[in-house]
Amino acid sequence: MHRPFSCWRSARNRGIDAMLRVVLCLLMISGVTFGQVQPSDEKIKKDTTAFQIAVNDVLGITVPGLGAGISVARAAYLDGYGIVVTAEVALVPPRNPFSAIGTPEQIRTMVAQRRKDSVAKLTNLLKEKVPALESIGPTESVAIIVNLLNTNPADVPDFVPQIILSVKKQNAASAPINVREYK
């Protein structure tokens, strides 16, 4: 009678051993997960506010005299990604019967030059400001999404309505900034 019980006992011990291994593994993983430090809300708020002010300043300089043509940039922190800033810009004011903007060729030239200047200045902003951000980790990113308003669609038919600039914090100083244009 001793034999059947010894077999059951070893089977029961194997099940308990397996369960102990699983519990031990979960405890080790939970220690790593809970040990990660998340940025504080104060740091996030400080960095997002500073970054959206910097984007507003850059776009305000690039598109002079168009106070009504620039919406206020909005920044948000996305957990696991980083900081995302969105803004809307009208590169030239719309045509109206009371003011002459110029010929269609002049408008196309002005739009192309202002778009080029905006991308260049926003790229420089990312290279300068992203390495100094305290609220994001080295593997997180910063993205600036600029929605361009085509206020004169007859004059600028091949208009690019959205430009996205992004960079990871660890690559901000050395790698080129990712610039994508979407039609």
Protein backbone atom coordinates (compact mmCIF):
# COMPACT_ATOMS: atom_id res chain seq x y z
CA MET A 1 0.00 0.00 0.00
CA HIS A 2 2.96 2.24 0.40
CA ARG A 3 3.66 2.24 -3.32
CA PRO A 4 0.51 3.99 -4.67
CA PHE A 5 0.79 6.79 -2.17
CA SER A 6 4.43 7.49 -3.01
CA CYS A 7 3.52 7.90 -6.69
CA TRP A 8 0.70 10.32 -5.85
CA ARG A 9 2.96 12.25 -3.58
CA SER A 10 5.60 12.76 -6.24
CA ALA A 11 2.97 13.84 -8.77
CA ARG A 12 1.54 16.30 -6.26
CA ASN A 13 5.02 17.66 -5.49
CA ARG A 14 5.74 18.18 -9.18
CA GLY A 15 2.54 20.20 -9.53
CA ILE A 16 3.40 22.32 -6.51
CA ASP A 17 6.96 22.82 -7.77
CA ALA A 18 5.67 23.98 -11.15
CA MET A 19 3.24 26.36 -9.50
CA LEU A 20 5.99 27.75 -7.25
CA ARG A 21 8.16 28.37 -10.33
CA VAL A 22 5.34 30.28 -12.03
CA VAL A 23 4.69 32.38 -8.91
CA LEU A 24 8.40 33.10 -8.51
CA CYS A 25 8.64 34.15 -12.18
CA LEU A 26 5.64 36.48 -11.82
CA LEU A 27 7.13 38.06 -8.72
CA MET A 28 10.42 38.69 -10.52
CA ILE A 29 8.68 40.25 -13.53
CA SER A 30 6.43 42.42 -11.36
CA GLY A 31 9.49 43.77 -9.54
CA VAL A 32 11.01 44.86 -12.84
CA THR A 33 7.74 46.35 -14.05
CA PHE A 34 6.99 48.29 -10.89
CA GLY A 35 10.61 49.32 -10.53
CA GLN A 36 10.46 51.46 -13.70
CA VAL A 37 10.23 55.13 -12.91
CA GLN A 38 7.57 57.07 -14.76
CA PRO A 39 8.15 60.78 -15.32
CA SER A 40 6.35 63.00 -12.86
CA ASP A 41 3.35 65.00 -13.97
CA GLU A 42 5.14 68.25 -13.14
CA LYS A 43 8.05 67.45 -15.46
CA ILE A 44 5.69 66.40 -18.23
CA LYS A 45 3.60 69.56 -17.90
CA LYS A 46 6.71 71.75 -17.82
CA ASP A 47 8.24 70.11 -20.91
CA THR A 48 5.02 70.02 -22.96
CA THR A 49 4.24 73.66 -22.17
CA ALA A 50 7.77 74.80 -23.02
CA PHE A 51 7.75 72.81 -26.24
CA GLN A 52 4.38 74.10 -27.43
CA ILE A 53 5.48 77.70 -26.72
CA ALA A 54 8.66 77.08 -28.73
CA VAL A 55 6.63 75.69 -31.67
CA ASN A 56 4.29 78.71 -31.51
CA ASP A 57 7.28 81.06 -31.57
CA VAL A 58 8.90 79.30 -34.54
CA LEU A 59 5.69 79.28 -36.57
CA GLY A 60 4.94 82.89 -35.62
CA ILE A 61 8.34 84.00 -36.93
CA THR A 62 8.08 81.89 -40.09
CA VAL A 63 4.64 83.21 -41.02
CA PRO A 64 4.82 86.92 -40.10
CA GLY A 65 1.75 89.11 -39.95
CA LEU A 66 -0.68 86.22 -39.89
CA GLY A 67 -1.85 86.25 -36.27
CA ALA A 68 -5.20 84.85 -37.35
CA GLY A 69 -3.50 82.28 -39.61
CA ILE A 70 -1.84 80.35 -36.79
CA SER A 71 -3.68 78.24 -34.29
CA VAL A 72 -2.15 77.74 -30.89
CA ALA A 73 0.04 74.65 -30.82
CA ARG A 74 -1.13 71.92 -28.47
CA ALA A 75 1.20 69.42 -26.86
CA ALA A 76 0.44 66.12 -25.20
CA TYR A 77 2.48 63.36 -23.60
CA LEU A 78 1.67 59.88 -24.88
CA ASP A 79 2.81 57.15 -22.53
CA GLY A 80 5.33 54.94 -24.28
CA TYR A 81 5.78 57.33 -27.23
CA GLY A 82 6.72 60.74 -25.90
CA ILE A 83 5.56 64.27 -26.68
CA VAL A 84 3.32 65.13 -29.65
CA VAL A 85 2.71 68.75 -30.67
CA THR A 86 0.04 69.72 -33.21
CA ALA A 87 -0.47 73.08 -34.89
CA GLU A 88 -2.42 74.55 -37.79
CA VAL A 89 -0.96 77.20 -40.08
CA ALA A 90 -2.19 79.17 -43.06
CA LEU A 91 0.99 80.10 -44.92
CA VAL A 92 -0.68 82.95 -46.84
CA PRO A 93 -3.90 84.82 -46.13
CA PRO A 94 -6.91 84.06 -48.33
CA ARG A 95 -7.64 86.28 -51.30
CA ASN A 96 -10.21 88.96 -50.75
CA PRO A 97 -11.42 91.90 -52.84
CA PHE A 98 -9.92 94.50 -50.48
CA SER A 99 -6.27 93.44 -50.50
CA ALA A 100 -4.04 92.25 -53.28
CA ILE A 101 -1.77 89.39 -52.27
CA GLY A 102 -0.09 88.99 -55.64
CA THR A 103 -0.17 86.85 -58.71
CA PRO A 104 -0.69 83.09 -58.50
CA GLU A 105 3.02 82.57 -59.21
CA GLN A 106 3.98 84.88 -56.34
CA ILE A 107 1.60 83.04 -54.00
CA ARG A 108 3.06 79.64 -54.99
CA THR A 109 6.58 80.97 -54.40
CA MET A 110 5.61 82.44 -51.03
CA VAL A 111 3.92 79.20 -49.91
CA ALA A 112 6.91 77.09 -50.97
CA GLN A 113 9.39 79.40 -49.24
CA ARG A 114 7.39 79.59 -45.99
CA ARG A 115 6.90 75.80 -45.94
CA LYS A 116 10.63 75.28 -46.47
CA ASP A 117 11.49 77.82 -43.74
CA SER A 118 8.99 76.24 -41.33
CA VAL A 119 10.45 72.76 -41.80
CA ALA A 120 14.02 74.06 -41.41
CA LYS A 121 13.27 76.00 -38.22
CA LEU A 122 11.21 73.18 -36.69
CA THR A 123 14.04 70.75 -37.48
CA ASN A 124 16.50 73.03 -35.69
CA LEU A 125 14.08 73.32 -32.77
CA LEU A 126 13.92 69.53 -32.44
CA LYS A 127 17.71 69.21 -32.56
CA GLU A 128 18.18 71.88 -29.89
CA LYS A 129 15.33 71.15 -27.45
CA VAL A 130 14.75 67.38 -27.51
CA PRO A 131 18.06 66.33 -25.84
CA ALA A 132 17.28 68.67 -22.92
CA LEU A 133 13.79 67.28 -22.21
CA GLU A 134 13.63 65.68 -18.77
CA SER A 135 10.22 64.03 -18.95
CA ILE A 136 10.93 61.56 -21.74
CA GLY A 137 13.25 58.59 -21.76
CA PRO A 138 16.03 58.07 -24.29
CA THR A 139 13.95 55.66 -26.38
CA GLU A 140 10.88 57.92 -26.47
CA SER A 141 10.19 60.36 -29.28
CA VAL A 142 8.98 63.87 -29.97
CA ALA A 143 6.74 64.60 -32.95
CA ILE A 144 5.49 67.88 -34.39
CA ILE A 145 2.43 67.65 -36.63
CA VAL A 146 1.78 70.77 -38.70
CA ASN A 147 -1.52 70.94 -40.56
CA LEU A 148 -1.23 73.48 -43.36
CA LEU A 149 -4.36 75.27 -44.54
CA ASN A 150 -4.67 75.87 -48.26
CA THR A 151 -6.37 79.26 -48.25
CA ASN A 152 -5.93 79.71 -52.01
CA PRO A 153 -6.60 76.32 -53.62
CA ALA A 154 -6.87 77.78 -57.13
CA ASP A 155 -3.37 79.28 -56.87
CA VAL A 156 -1.67 76.32 -55.15
CA PRO A 157 -3.21 73.08 -56.50
CA ASP A 158 -0.31 70.76 -55.49
CA PHE A 159 -0.42 71.76 -51.84
CA VAL A 160 0.92 69.47 -49.06
CA PRO A 161 -1.61 69.69 -46.20
CA GLN A 162 0.34 67.91 -43.46
CA ILE A 163 3.97 67.76 -42.37
CA ILE A 164 5.16 65.48 -39.58
CA LEU A 165 8.60 65.90 -38.01
CA SER A 166 9.74 63.29 -35.49
CA VAL A 167 12.88 62.17 -33.70
CA LYS A 168 13.86 59.85 -30.85
CA LYS A 169 15.54 61.57 -27.94
CA GLN A 170 18.69 59.44 -28.19
CA ASN A 171 19.07 60.32 -31.90
CA ALA A 172 18.17 64.02 -31.72
CA ALA A 173 21.70 65.41 -31.77
CA SER A 174 23.28 63.06 -34.30
CA ALA A 175 20.68 61.50 -36.59
CA PRO A 176 18.64 63.40 -39.16
CA ILE A 177 15.10 64.42 -38.24
CA ASN A 178 12.35 62.35 -39.90
CA VAL A 179 10.27 64.69 -42.08
CA ARG A 180 7.20 63.26 -43.81
CA GLU A 181 4.75 65.14 -45.98
CA TYR A 182 1.27 63.75 -46.57
CA LYS A 183 -1.14 64.75 -49.30
